[in-house]
Amino acid sequence: MTYSIRDLENRIHDAIKKIPLDLSPQALYDPIRYVLSCGGKRLRPILTLMATNLFSDDIGLSLSPAVGIEIFHNFTLLHDDLMDRADMRRGNPTVHKLWGDNAAILSGDAMLIQAYTYIADVPPVVLPEVLSLFSVTAMGVCQGQQYDMDFEKRMDVTEAEYMEMIRLKTAVLIACSLKMGAILGNASTFDSDLLYRFGINIGMAFQLKDDLLDVYGDAETFGKNIGGDIVCNKKTFLLIKALENSNPSQRKELNKWLVAKDVDRFSKINAVKNIYDELNLKAISESLIEKYYLSAFDCLSNLPVADDRKKELLLLADNLMQRDK
């Protein structure tokens, strides 16, 4: 039996609703309940269940670890928002805006502990492999976040450095979600590694698309303020290519906004975006996204599983590339 994306969304939604959060002290658990109730794509847990479903009809095998991955992902967003001083996430105020910095730190820490509890709810025979995979992934996400923060202070970030940063910050968790689901579905090492490579490529395309939407998306649809990366001087692919390809006049304008203090947010966003437009960076970024998507498709094509088992995963990957939020 192949489960649809909607079926898997419902399973994840129901499982998250059952997480026991009506506990004391309330000030610790209220932010967690809030974060998990704000929705989101539930991409990573859905991928975990999908990967299991490629090899087994029993998606319940990976439901608990899938929930753990979603808790962990939301924990990283909670702390990322605090570090970035972001006001909005998924169309709602961020935790640190509502409860303060200390609550965001402590509730985030509690979410990490919760994540491990759910991840560890697997058969003993695969527990060491699952925990090792998740721990390496979690550390990679932290490394990626540190690179991201370090890059904000640098003007010489290369495209290769940026790609490694998003591989760690975003792609490895997507790849981990798929590989973990495959392991729990009793897939071979070859198959689970192939799904991991699929996840890396989709993850790279996903983050590049996210960066593109941060500049060219619609704020109401996107769920957070447009231009946040520009305001924070984040070294995205767009900015790196702008610094690389700009003429002296454009470079001077970019440098002015990169070092300016206490500037009007919208003026900075519009000025930098105009340079991106002049350099045709939207199209260049879309071309790179397509390259990673096609590499992911090649991985999935080589997976020795019946095509009807793959169709929902292909549909989900296509939806990610066509999304506007």
C-alpha atoms as a PDB file:
ATOM      1  CA  MET A   1       0.000   0.000   0.000  1.00  0.00           C
ATOM      2  CA  THR A   2       1.308   3.448  -0.940  1.00  0.00           C
ATOM      3  CA  TYR A   3       0.175   6.291   1.310  1.00  0.00           C
ATOM      4  CA  SER A   4      -0.601   9.692  -0.190  1.00  0.00           C
ATOM      5  CA  ILE A   5       1.016  12.916   0.976  1.00  0.00           C
ATOM      6  CA  ARG A   6      -2.286  13.876   2.594  1.00  0.00           C
ATOM      7  CA  ASP A   7      -2.486  10.548   4.436  1.00  0.00           C
ATOM      8  CA  LEU A   8       0.987  11.068   5.846  1.00  0.00           C
ATOM      9  CA  GLU A   9       0.287  14.688   6.765  1.00  0.00           C
ATOM     10  CA  ASN A  10      -2.723  13.528   8.767  1.00  0.00           C
ATOM     11  CA  ARG A  11      -0.715  10.839  10.542  1.00  0.00           C
ATOM     12  CA  ILE A  12       1.949  13.354  11.528  1.00  0.00           C
ATOM     13  CA  HIS A  13      -0.627  15.958  12.540  1.00  0.00           C
ATOM     14  CA  ASP A  14      -2.442  13.488  14.783  1.00  0.00           C
ATOM     15  CA  ALA A  15       0.808  12.277  16.353  1.00  0.00           C
ATOM     16  CA  ILE A  16       1.978  15.809  17.118  1.00  0.00           C
ATOM     17  CA  LYS A  17      -1.369  16.626  18.737  1.00  0.00           C
ATOM     18  CA  LYS A  18      -0.787  13.692  21.093  1.00  0.00           C
ATOM     19  CA  ILE A  19       2.569  14.963  22.378  1.00  0.00           C
ATOM     20  CA  PRO A  20       2.074  15.468  26.140  1.00  0.00           C
ATOM     21  CA  LEU A  21       2.629  19.174  26.669  1.00  0.00           C
ATOM     22  CA  ASP A  22       0.029  19.930  29.354  1.00  0.00           C
ATOM     23  CA  LEU A  23       2.756  19.755  31.987  1.00  0.00           C
ATOM     24  CA  SER A  24       4.388  21.929  34.607  1.00  0.00           C
ATOM     25  CA  PRO A  25       5.976  24.383  34.692  1.00  0.00           C
ATOM     26  CA  GLN A  26       3.603  25.826  32.142  1.00  0.00           C
ATOM     27  CA  ALA A  27       6.086  28.543  31.153  1.00  0.00           C
ATOM     28  CA  LEU A  28       8.413  25.835  29.804  1.00  0.00           C
ATOM     29  CA  TYR A  29       5.818  23.954  27.770  1.00  0.00           C
ATOM     30  CA  ASP A  30       3.621  26.785  26.459  1.00  0.00           C
ATOM     31  CA  PRO A  31       6.234  27.959  23.908  1.00  0.00           C
ATOM     32  CA  ILE A  32       6.720  24.365  22.721  1.00  0.00           C
ATOM     33  CA  ARG A  33       2.993  23.874  22.268  1.00  0.00           C
ATOM     34  CA  TYR A  34       2.823  27.199  20.418  1.00  0.00           C
ATOM     35  CA  VAL A  35       5.687  26.363  18.046  1.00  0.00           C
ATOM     36  CA  LEU A  36       4.303  22.942  17.182  1.00  0.00           C
ATOM     37  CA  SER A  37       0.793  24.336  16.650  1.00  0.00           C
ATOM     38  CA  CYS A  38       1.933  26.946  14.124  1.00  0.00           C
ATOM     39  CA  GLY A  39       1.944  24.358  11.381  1.00  0.00           C
ATOM     40  CA  GLY A  40       4.598  24.295   8.724  1.00  0.00           C
ATOM     41  CA  LYS A  41       5.158  21.886   5.861  1.00  0.00           C
ATOM     42  CA  ARG A  42       5.950  18.880   8.102  1.00  0.00           C
ATOM     43  CA  LEU A  43       8.309  18.025   5.256  1.00  0.00           C
ATOM     44  CA  ARG A  44      10.887  16.078   7.220  1.00  0.00           C
ATOM     45  CA  PRO A  45       8.560  13.708   9.116  1.00  0.00           C
ATOM     46  CA  ILE A  46       6.544  13.120   5.947  1.00  0.00           C
ATOM     47  CA  LEU A  47       9.766  12.150   4.168  1.00  0.00           C
ATOM     48  CA  THR A  48      10.583   9.737   6.986  1.00  0.00           C
ATOM     49  CA  LEU A  49       7.232   7.996   6.617  1.00  0.00           C
ATOM     50  CA  MET A  50       7.521   8.054   2.812  1.00  0.00           C
ATOM     51  CA  ALA A  51      10.926   6.398   2.939  1.00  0.00           C
ATOM     52  CA  THR A  52       9.584   3.658   5.171  1.00  0.00           C
ATOM     53  CA  ASN A  53       6.603   3.226   2.870  1.00  0.00           C
ATOM     54  CA  LEU A  54       8.942   2.616  -0.085  1.00  0.00           C
ATOM     55  CA  PHE A  55       9.904  -0.675   1.562  1.00  0.00           C
ATOM     56  CA  SER A  56       7.047  -1.492   3.938  1.00  0.00           C
ATOM     57  CA  ASP A  57       3.294  -1.058   4.301  1.00  0.00           C
ATOM     58  CA  ASP A  58       3.724  -0.417   8.034  1.00  0.00           C
ATOM     59  CA  ILE A  59       4.535   3.279   8.326  1.00  0.00           C
ATOM     60  CA  GLY A  60       3.933   3.015  12.061  1.00  0.00           C
ATOM     61  CA  LEU A  61       7.481   1.657  12.235  1.00  0.00           C
ATOM     62  CA  SER A  62       8.850   5.173  11.823  1.00  0.00           C
ATOM     63  CA  LEU A  63       6.079   7.368  13.235  1.00  0.00           C
ATOM     64  CA  SER A  64       7.777   8.105  16.556  1.00  0.00           C
ATOM     65  CA  PRO A  65      11.174   8.982  15.029  1.00  0.00           C
ATOM     66  CA  ALA A  66       9.370  11.102  12.428  1.00  0.00           C
ATOM     67  CA  VAL A  67       7.783  13.117  15.242  1.00  0.00           C
ATOM     68  CA  GLY A  68      11.199  13.402  16.882  1.00  0.00           C
ATOM     69  CA  ILE A  69      12.678  14.839  13.697  1.00  0.00           C
ATOM     70  CA  GLU A  70       9.853  17.393  13.481  1.00  0.00           C
ATOM     71  CA  ILE A  71      10.405  18.421  17.110  1.00  0.00           C
ATOM     72  CA  PHE A  72      14.125  18.794  16.447  1.00  0.00           C
ATOM     73  CA  HIS A  73      13.516  20.852  13.299  1.00  0.00           C
ATOM     74  CA  ASN A  74      11.224  23.230  15.178  1.00  0.00           C
ATOM     75  CA  PHE A  75      13.774  23.497  17.977  1.00  0.00           C
ATOM     76  CA  THR A  76      16.361  24.690  15.441  1.00  0.00           C
ATOM     77  CA  LEU A  77      13.914  27.251  14.053  1.00  0.00           C
ATOM     78  CA  LEU A  78      13.157  28.541  17.537  1.00  0.00           C
ATOM     79  CA  HIS A  79      16.837  29.139  18.263  1.00  0.00           C
ATOM     80  CA  ASP A  80      17.545  30.417  14.724  1.00  0.00           C
ATOM     81  CA  ASP A  81      14.819  33.032  15.105  1.00  0.00           C
ATOM     82  CA  LEU A  82      16.341  34.147  18.390  1.00  0.00           C
ATOM     83  CA  MET A  83      19.831  34.451  16.896  1.00  0.00           C
ATOM     84  CA  ASP A  84      18.493  36.268  13.830  1.00  0.00           C
ATOM     85  CA  ARG A  85      16.187  38.467  15.949  1.00  0.00           C
ATOM     86  CA  ALA A  86      13.368  37.465  13.584  1.00  0.00           C
ATOM     87  CA  ASP A  87       9.908  38.831  14.348  1.00  0.00           C
ATOM     88  CA  MET A  88       7.776  36.412  12.352  1.00  0.00           C
ATOM     89  CA  ARG A  89       7.704  32.700  11.551  1.00  0.00           C
ATOM     90  CA  ARG A  90       4.928  31.027   9.543  1.00  0.00           C
ATOM     91  CA  GLY A  91       2.875  34.189   9.769  1.00  0.00           C
ATOM     92  CA  ASN A  92       3.032  34.288  13.579  1.00  0.00           C
ATOM     93  CA  PRO A  93       5.189  36.155  16.109  1.00  0.00           C
ATOM     94  CA  THR A  94       8.322  34.243  17.069  1.00  0.00           C
ATOM     95  CA  VAL A  95       8.733  32.725  20.528  1.00  0.00           C
ATOM     96  CA  HIS A  96      11.321  35.220  21.745  1.00  0.00           C
ATOM     97  CA  LYS A  97       8.992  38.072  20.762  1.00  0.00           C
ATOM     98  CA  LEU A  98       6.160  36.610  22.848  1.00  0.00           C
ATOM     99  CA  TRP A  99       7.980  35.050  25.817  1.00  0.00           C
ATOM    100  CA  GLY A 100      11.465  36.590  25.768  1.00  0.00           C
ATOM    101  CA  ASP A 101      14.961  35.306  25.002  1.00  0.00           C
ATOM    102  CA  ASN A 102      15.366  33.110  28.071  1.00  0.00           C
ATOM    103  CA  ALA A 103      12.158  31.223  27.379  1.00  0.00           C
ATOM    104  CA  ALA A 104      13.202  30.674  23.780  1.00  0.00           C
ATOM    105  CA  ILE A 105      16.525  29.201  24.907  1.00  0.00           C
ATOM    106  CA  LEU A 106      15.139  26.936  27.623  1.00  0.00           C
ATOM    107  CA  SER A 107      12.053  25.718  25.755  1.00  0.00           C
ATOM    108  CA  GLY A 108      14.290  25.029  22.773  1.00  0.00           C
ATOM    109  CA  ASP A 109      16.598  22.954  24.947  1.00  0.00           C
ATOM    110  CA  ALA A 110      13.612  20.979  26.205  1.00  0.00           C
ATOM    111  CA  MET A 111      12.545  20.316  22.618  1.00  0.00           C
ATOM    112  CA  LEU A 112      15.959  18.865  21.803  1.00  0.00           C
ATOM    113  CA  ILE A 113      15.619  16.452  24.720  1.00  0.00           C
ATOM    114  CA  GLN A 114      12.111  15.543  23.594  1.00  0.00           C
ATOM    115  CA  ALA A 115      13.389  14.916  20.082  1.00  0.00           C
ATOM    116  CA  TYR A 116      15.913  12.357  21.298  1.00  0.00           C
ATOM    117  CA  THR A 117      13.222  10.606  23.318  1.00  0.00           C
ATOM    118  CA  TYR A 118      11.079  10.100  20.232  1.00  0.00           C
ATOM    119  CA  ILE A 119      14.026   9.229  17.969  1.00  0.00           C
ATOM    120  CA  ALA A 120      15.086   6.493  20.395  1.00  0.00           C
ATOM    121  CA  ASP A 121      11.653   4.827  20.252  1.00  0.00           C
ATOM    122  CA  VAL A 122      12.779   2.250  17.677  1.00  0.00           C
ATOM    123  CA  PRO A 123      13.531  -1.493  17.721  1.00  0.00           C
ATOM    124  CA  PRO A 124      16.740  -2.247  19.695  1.00  0.00           C
ATOM    125  CA  VAL A 125      18.396  -3.829  16.663  1.00  0.00           C
ATOM    126  CA  VAL A 126      18.503  -0.488  14.782  1.00  0.00           C
ATOM    127  CA  LEU A 127      18.802   1.853  17.781  1.00  0.00           C
ATOM    128  CA  PRO A 128      22.603   2.380  17.565  1.00  0.00           C
ATOM    129  CA  GLU A 129      22.441   3.130  13.833  1.00  0.00           C
ATOM    130  CA  VAL A 130      19.469   5.480  14.187  1.00  0.00           C
ATOM    131  CA  LEU A 131      20.956   7.390  17.125  1.00  0.00           C
ATOM    132  CA  SER A 132      24.337   7.675  15.414  1.00  0.00           C
ATOM    133  CA  LEU A 133      22.730   8.989  12.228  1.00  0.00           C
ATOM    134  CA  PHE A 134      20.648  11.521  14.134  1.00  0.00           C
ATOM    135  CA  SER A 135      23.506  12.698  16.371  1.00  0.00           C
ATOM    136  CA  VAL A 136      25.863  13.257  13.442  1.00  0.00           C
ATOM    137  CA  THR A 137      23.059  15.111  11.660  1.00  0.00           C
ATOM    138  CA  ALA A 138      22.215  17.284  14.676  1.00  0.00           C
ATOM    139  CA  MET A 139      25.851  18.290  15.072  1.00  0.00           C
ATOM    140  CA  GLY A 140      26.010  19.065  11.356  1.00  0.00           C
ATOM    141  CA  VAL A 141      23.020  21.381  11.682  1.00  0.00           C
ATOM    142  CA  CYS A 142      24.804  23.231  14.501  1.00  0.00           C
ATOM    143  CA  GLN A 143      27.948  23.512  12.384  1.00  0.00           C
ATOM    144  CA  GLY A 144      25.896  24.895   9.508  1.00  0.00           C
ATOM    145  CA  GLN A 145      24.262  27.476  11.740  1.00  0.00           C
ATOM    146  CA  GLN A 146      27.658  28.606  13.036  1.00  0.00           C
ATOM    147  CA  TYR A 147      28.962  28.980   9.481  1.00  0.00           C
ATOM    148  CA  ASP A 148      25.853  30.998   8.647  1.00  0.00           C
ATOM    149  CA  MET A 149      26.519  33.372  11.546  1.00  0.00           C
ATOM    150  CA  ASP A 150      30.237  33.588  10.769  1.00  0.00           C
ATOM    151  CA  PHE A 151      29.474  34.492   7.156  1.00  0.00           C
ATOM    152  CA  GLU A 152      27.475  37.532   8.259  1.00  0.00           C
ATOM    153  CA  LYS A 153      30.749  39.143   9.375  1.00  0.00           C
ATOM    154  CA  ARG A 154      32.661  38.286   6.205  1.00  0.00           C
ATOM    155  CA  MET A 155      32.699  39.863   2.760  1.00  0.00           C
ATOM    156  CA  ASP A 156      34.739  37.133   1.066  1.00  0.00           C
ATOM    157  CA  VAL A 157      32.418  34.121   1.396  1.00  0.00           C
ATOM    158  CA  THR A 158      32.751  31.882  -1.654  1.00  0.00           C
ATOM    159  CA  GLU A 159      30.021  29.981  -3.450  1.00  0.00           C
ATOM    160  CA  ALA A 160      31.632  26.694  -2.342  1.00  0.00           C
ATOM    161  CA  GLU A 161      31.561  27.792   1.304  1.00  0.00           C
ATOM    162  CA  TYR A 162      27.925  28.758   0.997  1.00  0.00           C
ATOM    163  CA  MET A 163      27.008  25.391  -0.533  1.00  0.00           C
ATOM    164  CA  GLU A 164      28.727  23.555   2.310  1.00  0.00           C
ATOM    165  CA  MET A 165      26.887  25.718   4.833  1.00  0.00           C
ATOM    166  CA  ILE A 166      23.430  24.946   3.426  1.00  0.00           C
ATOM    167  CA  ARG A 167      24.347  21.277   3.054  1.00  0.00           C
ATOM    168  CA  LEU A 168      24.924  21.184   6.797  1.00  0.00           C
ATOM    169  CA  LYS A 169      22.229  23.593   7.933  1.00  0.00           C
ATOM    170  CA  THR A 170      19.392  22.268   5.779  1.00  0.00           C
ATOM    171  CA  ALA A 171      20.180  19.337   3.496  1.00  0.00           C
ATOM    172  CA  VAL A 172      21.583  16.866   6.027  1.00  0.00           C
ATOM    173  CA  LEU A 173      18.386  16.849   8.116  1.00  0.00           C
ATOM    174  CA  ILE A 174      16.245  16.197   5.042  1.00  0.00           C
ATOM    175  CA  ALA A 175      18.653  13.428   4.007  1.00  0.00           C
ATOM    176  CA  CYS A 176      18.634  12.013   7.544  1.00  0.00           C
ATOM    177  CA  SER A 177      14.829  11.947   7.561  1.00  0.00           C
ATOM    178  CA  LEU A 178      14.802   9.796   4.433  1.00  0.00           C
ATOM    179  CA  LYS A 179      17.615   7.485   5.462  1.00  0.00           C
ATOM    180  CA  MET A 180      16.125   6.927   8.915  1.00  0.00           C
ATOM    181  CA  GLY A 181      12.781   6.019   7.382  1.00  0.00           C
ATOM    182  CA  ALA A 182      14.498   3.618   5.000  1.00  0.00           C
ATOM    183  CA  ILE A 183      16.426   1.952   7.842  1.00  0.00           C
ATOM    184  CA  LEU A 184      13.188   1.452   9.777  1.00  0.00           C
ATOM    185  CA  GLY A 185      11.570   0.000   6.650  1.00  0.00           C
ATOM    186  CA  ASN A 186      14.372  -2.589   6.541  1.00  0.00           C
ATOM    187  CA  ALA A 187      15.955  -1.187   3.365  1.00  0.00           C
ATOM    188  CA  SER A 188      19.401  -2.307   2.257  1.00  0.00           C
ATOM    189  CA  THR A 189      22.421  -0.122   2.948  1.00  0.00           C
ATOM    190  CA  PHE A 190      22.634   0.653  -0.776  1.00  0.00           C
ATOM    191  CA  ASP A 191      19.007   1.810  -0.884  1.00  0.00           C
ATOM    192  CA  SER A 192      19.176   3.891   2.305  1.00  0.00           C
ATOM    193  CA  ASP A 193      22.395   5.573   1.128  1.00  0.00           C
ATOM    194  CA  LEU A 194      20.806   6.331  -2.253  1.00  0.00           C
ATOM    195  CA  LEU A 195      17.863   7.969  -0.505  1.00  0.00           C
ATOM    196  CA  TYR A 196      20.315   9.956   1.608  1.00  0.00           C
ATOM    197  CA  ARG A 197      21.933  11.330  -1.577  1.00  0.00           C
ATOM    198  CA  PHE A 198      18.470  12.097  -2.947  1.00  0.00           C
ATOM    199  CA  GLY A 199      17.785  14.028   0.250  1.00  0.00           C
ATOM    200  CA  ILE A 200      21.007  16.022   0.029  1.00  0.00           C
ATOM    201  CA  ASN A 201      20.188  17.172  -3.492  1.00  0.00           C
ATOM    202  CA  ILE A 202      16.571  17.990  -2.680  1.00  0.00           C
ATOM    203  CA  GLY A 203      17.734  19.760   0.473  1.00  0.00           C
ATOM    204  CA  MET A 204      20.161  21.928  -1.473  1.00  0.00           C
ATOM    205  CA  ALA A 205      17.454  22.841  -3.973  1.00  0.00           C
ATOM    206  CA  PHE A 206      15.002  23.475  -1.122  1.00  0.00           C
ATOM    207  CA  GLN A 207      17.303  25.946   0.649  1.00  0.00           C
ATOM    208  CA  LEU A 208      18.219  27.748  -2.557  1.00  0.00           C
ATOM    209  CA  LYS A 209      14.499  28.087  -3.260  1.00  0.00           C
ATOM    210  CA  ASP A 210      13.928  29.368   0.284  1.00  0.00           C
ATOM    211  CA  ASP A 211      16.618  32.017  -0.185  1.00  0.00           C
ATOM    212  CA  LEU A 212      15.061  33.005  -3.503  1.00  0.00           C
ATOM    213  CA  LEU A 213      11.600  33.310  -1.947  1.00  0.00           C
ATOM    214  CA  ASP A 214      13.025  35.470   0.842  1.00  0.00           C
ATOM    215  CA  VAL A 215      13.740  38.089  -1.821  1.00  0.00           C
ATOM    216  CA  TYR A 216      11.149  37.407  -4.525  1.00  0.00           C
ATOM    217  CA  GLY A 217       8.300  35.796  -2.595  1.00  0.00           C
ATOM    218  CA  ASP A 218       5.077  37.323  -1.336  1.00  0.00           C
ATOM    219  CA  ALA A 219       5.187  38.121   2.392  1.00  0.00           C
ATOM    220  CA  GLU A 220       1.613  37.019   3.024  1.00  0.00           C
ATOM    221  CA  THR A 221       2.120  33.712   1.239  1.00  0.00           C
ATOM    222  CA  PHE A 222       5.674  33.131   2.478  1.00  0.00           C
ATOM    223  CA  GLY A 223       4.673  33.465   6.127  1.00  0.00           C
ATOM    224  CA  LYS A 224       7.473  35.783   7.188  1.00  0.00           C
ATOM    225  CA  ASN A 225       8.810  39.200   6.304  1.00  0.00           C
ATOM    226  CA  ILE A 226      10.368  39.395   2.854  1.00  0.00           C
ATOM    227  CA  GLY A 227      13.972  40.574   2.637  1.00  0.00           C
ATOM    228  CA  GLY A 228      15.118  39.363   6.040  1.00  0.00           C
ATOM    229  CA  ASP A 229      18.288  37.878   4.556  1.00  0.00           C
ATOM    230  CA  ILE A 230      19.140  41.195   2.922  1.00  0.00           C
ATOM    231  CA  VAL A 231      18.548  43.142   6.124  1.00  0.00           C
ATOM    232  CA  CYS A 232      20.794  40.748   8.101  1.00  0.00           C
ATOM    233  CA  ASN A 233      23.535  40.712   5.431  1.00  0.00           C
ATOM    234  CA  LYS A 234      23.196  36.949   5.107  1.00  0.00           C
ATOM    235  CA  LYS A 235      25.607  35.588   2.548  1.00  0.00           C
ATOM    236  CA  THR A 236      23.075  33.792   0.405  1.00  0.00           C
ATOM    237  CA  PHE A 237      23.793  32.526  -3.099  1.00  0.00           C
ATOM    238  CA  LEU A 238      22.187  35.699  -4.450  1.00  0.00           C
ATOM    239  CA  LEU A 239      24.408  38.059  -2.479  1.00  0.00           C
ATOM    240  CA  ILE A 240      27.561  36.035  -3.135  1.00  0.00           C
ATOM    241  CA  LYS A 241      26.914  36.068  -6.883  1.00  0.00           C
ATOM    242  CA  ALA A 242      26.054  39.771  -6.733  1.00  0.00           C
ATOM    243  CA  LEU A 243      29.390  40.561  -5.089  1.00  0.00           C
ATOM    244  CA  GLU A 244      31.135  38.313  -7.599  1.00  0.00           C
ATOM    245  CA  ASN A 245      29.451  39.607 -10.777  1.00  0.00           C
ATOM    246  CA  SER A 246      28.804  43.272  -9.991  1.00  0.00           C
ATOM    247  CA  ASN A 247      30.473  46.106 -11.833  1.00  0.00           C
ATOM    248  CA  PRO A 248      32.312  48.813  -9.832  1.00  0.00           C
ATOM    249  CA  SER A 249      29.187  50.957  -9.489  1.00  0.00           C
ATOM    250  CA  GLN A 250      27.019  48.067  -8.341  1.00  0.00           C
ATOM    251  CA  ARG A 251      29.726  46.834  -5.972  1.00  0.00           C
ATOM    252  CA  LYS A 252      30.012  50.289  -4.414  1.00  0.00           C
ATOM    253  CA  GLU A 253      26.228  50.380  -3.885  1.00  0.00           C
ATOM    254  CA  LEU A 254      26.218  46.912  -2.354  1.00  0.00           C
ATOM    255  CA  ASN A 255      29.079  47.746  -0.003  1.00  0.00           C
ATOM    256  CA  LYS A 256      27.280  50.905   1.101  1.00  0.00           C
ATOM    257  CA  TRP A 257      24.250  48.909   2.248  1.00  0.00           C
ATOM    258  CA  LEU A 258      26.303  46.090   3.749  1.00  0.00           C
ATOM    259  CA  VAL A 259      28.111  48.414   6.149  1.00  0.00           C
ATOM    260  CA  ALA A 260      25.293  50.904   6.771  1.00  0.00           C
ATOM    261  CA  LYS A 261      23.864  51.137  10.295  1.00  0.00           C
ATOM    262  CA  ASP A 262      20.322  51.973  11.350  1.00  0.00           C
ATOM    263  CA  VAL A 263      19.036  52.083   7.783  1.00  0.00           C
ATOM    264  CA  ASP A 264      15.451  51.968   6.640  1.00  0.00           C
ATOM    265  CA  ARG A 265      14.622  48.294   6.105  1.00  0.00           C
ATOM    266  CA  PHE A 266      12.599  48.758   2.941  1.00  0.00           C
ATOM    267  CA  SER A 267      15.126  51.110   1.341  1.00  0.00           C
ATOM    268  CA  LYS A 268      17.892  48.571   1.828  1.00  0.00           C
ATOM    269  CA  ILE A 269      15.801  45.677   0.513  1.00  0.00           C
ATOM    270  CA  ASN A 270      14.721  47.582  -2.580  1.00  0.00           C
ATOM    271  CA  ALA A 271      18.232  48.833  -3.357  1.00  0.00           C
ATOM    272  CA  VAL A 272      19.847  45.389  -3.077  1.00  0.00           C
ATOM    273  CA  LYS A 273      17.008  43.689  -4.930  1.00  0.00           C
ATOM    274  CA  ASN A 274      17.400  46.154  -7.805  1.00  0.00           C
ATOM    275  CA  ILE A 275      21.027  45.062  -8.180  1.00  0.00           C
ATOM    276  CA  TYR A 276      19.965  41.400  -8.140  1.00  0.00           C
ATOM    277  CA  ASP A 277      17.522  42.223 -10.938  1.00  0.00           C
ATOM    278  CA  GLU A 278      20.182  44.013 -12.972  1.00  0.00           C
ATOM    279  CA  LEU A 279      22.444  40.935 -12.715  1.00  0.00           C
ATOM    280  CA  ASN A 280      19.651  38.493 -13.620  1.00  0.00           C
ATOM    281  CA  LEU A 281      20.322  36.565 -10.419  1.00  0.00           C
ATOM    282  CA  LYS A 282      16.787  35.216 -10.081  1.00  0.00           C
ATOM    283  CA  ALA A 283      17.199  33.219 -13.300  1.00  0.00           C
ATOM    284  CA  ILE A 284      20.728  32.113 -12.358  1.00  0.00           C
ATOM    285  CA  SER A 285      19.483  30.862  -8.998  1.00  0.00           C
ATOM    286  CA  GLU A 286      16.552  29.048 -10.594  1.00  0.00           C
ATOM    287  CA  SER A 287      18.964  27.293 -12.947  1.00  0.00           C
ATOM    288  CA  LEU A 288      21.034  26.015 -10.013  1.00  0.00           C
ATOM    289  CA  ILE A 289      17.888  24.839  -8.227  1.00  0.00           C
ATOM    290  CA  GLU A 290      16.949  22.875 -11.343  1.00  0.00           C
ATOM    291  CA  LYS A 291      20.413  21.267 -11.430  1.00  0.00           C
ATOM    292  CA  TYR A 292      20.049  19.925  -7.882  1.00  0.00           C
ATOM    293  CA  TYR A 293      16.499  18.791  -8.555  1.00  0.00           C
ATOM    294  CA  LEU A 294      17.615  16.778 -11.581  1.00  0.00           C
ATOM    295  CA  SER A 295      20.439  15.205  -9.564  1.00  0.00           C
ATOM    296  CA  ALA A 296      17.901  14.179  -6.934  1.00  0.00           C
ATOM    297  CA  PHE A 297      15.661  12.712  -9.628  1.00  0.00           C
ATOM    298  CA  ASP A 298      18.585  10.628 -10.914  1.00  0.00           C
ATOM    299  CA  CYS A 299      19.097   9.159  -7.437  1.00  0.00           C
ATOM    300  CA  LEU A 300      15.456   8.206  -7.169  1.00  0.00           C
ATOM    301  CA  SER A 301      15.452   6.730 -10.676  1.00  0.00           C
ATOM    302  CA  ASN A 302      18.261   4.378  -9.627  1.00  0.00           C
ATOM    303  CA  LEU A 303      16.417   3.195  -6.517  1.00  0.00           C
ATOM    304  CA  PRO A 304      15.355  -0.441  -7.166  1.00  0.00           C
ATOM    305  CA  VAL A 305      11.773   0.075  -5.997  1.00  0.00           C
ATOM    306  CA  ALA A 306       8.588  -0.154  -8.082  1.00  0.00           C
ATOM    307  CA  ASP A 307       7.651   3.144  -9.741  1.00  0.00           C
ATOM    308  CA  ASP A 308       4.202   3.214  -8.122  1.00  0.00           C
ATOM    309  CA  ARG A 309       5.932   3.224  -4.728  1.00  0.00           C
ATOM    310  CA  LYS A 310       7.967   6.264  -5.731  1.00  0.00           C
ATOM    311  CA  LYS A 311       5.162   8.378  -7.165  1.00  0.00           C
ATOM    312  CA  GLU A 312       4.245  10.236  -3.956  1.00  0.00           C
ATOM    313  CA  LEU A 313       7.885  11.053  -3.239  1.00  0.00           C
ATOM    314  CA  LEU A 314       8.286  12.367  -6.779  1.00  0.00           C
ATOM    315  CA  LEU A 315       5.138  14.446  -6.372  1.00  0.00           C
ATOM    316  CA  LEU A 316       6.377  15.894  -3.108  1.00  0.00           C
ATOM    317  CA  ALA A 317       9.763  16.760  -4.624  1.00  0.00           C
ATOM    318  CA  ASP A 318       8.043  18.469  -7.538  1.00  0.00           C
ATOM    319  CA  ASN A 319       5.791  20.421  -5.174  1.00  0.00           C
ATOM    320  CA  LEU A 320       8.853  21.662  -3.286  1.00  0.00           C
ATOM    321  CA  MET A 321      10.396  23.010  -6.466  1.00  0.00           C
ATOM    322  CA  GLN A 322       7.174  24.735  -7.578  1.00  0.00           C
ATOM    323  CA  ARG A 323       6.214  26.162  -4.198  1.00  0.00           C
ATOM    324  CA  ASP A 324       5.724  29.847  -3.422  1.00  0.00           C
ATOM    325  CA  LYS A 325       6.127  29.553   0.353  1.00  0.00           C
END
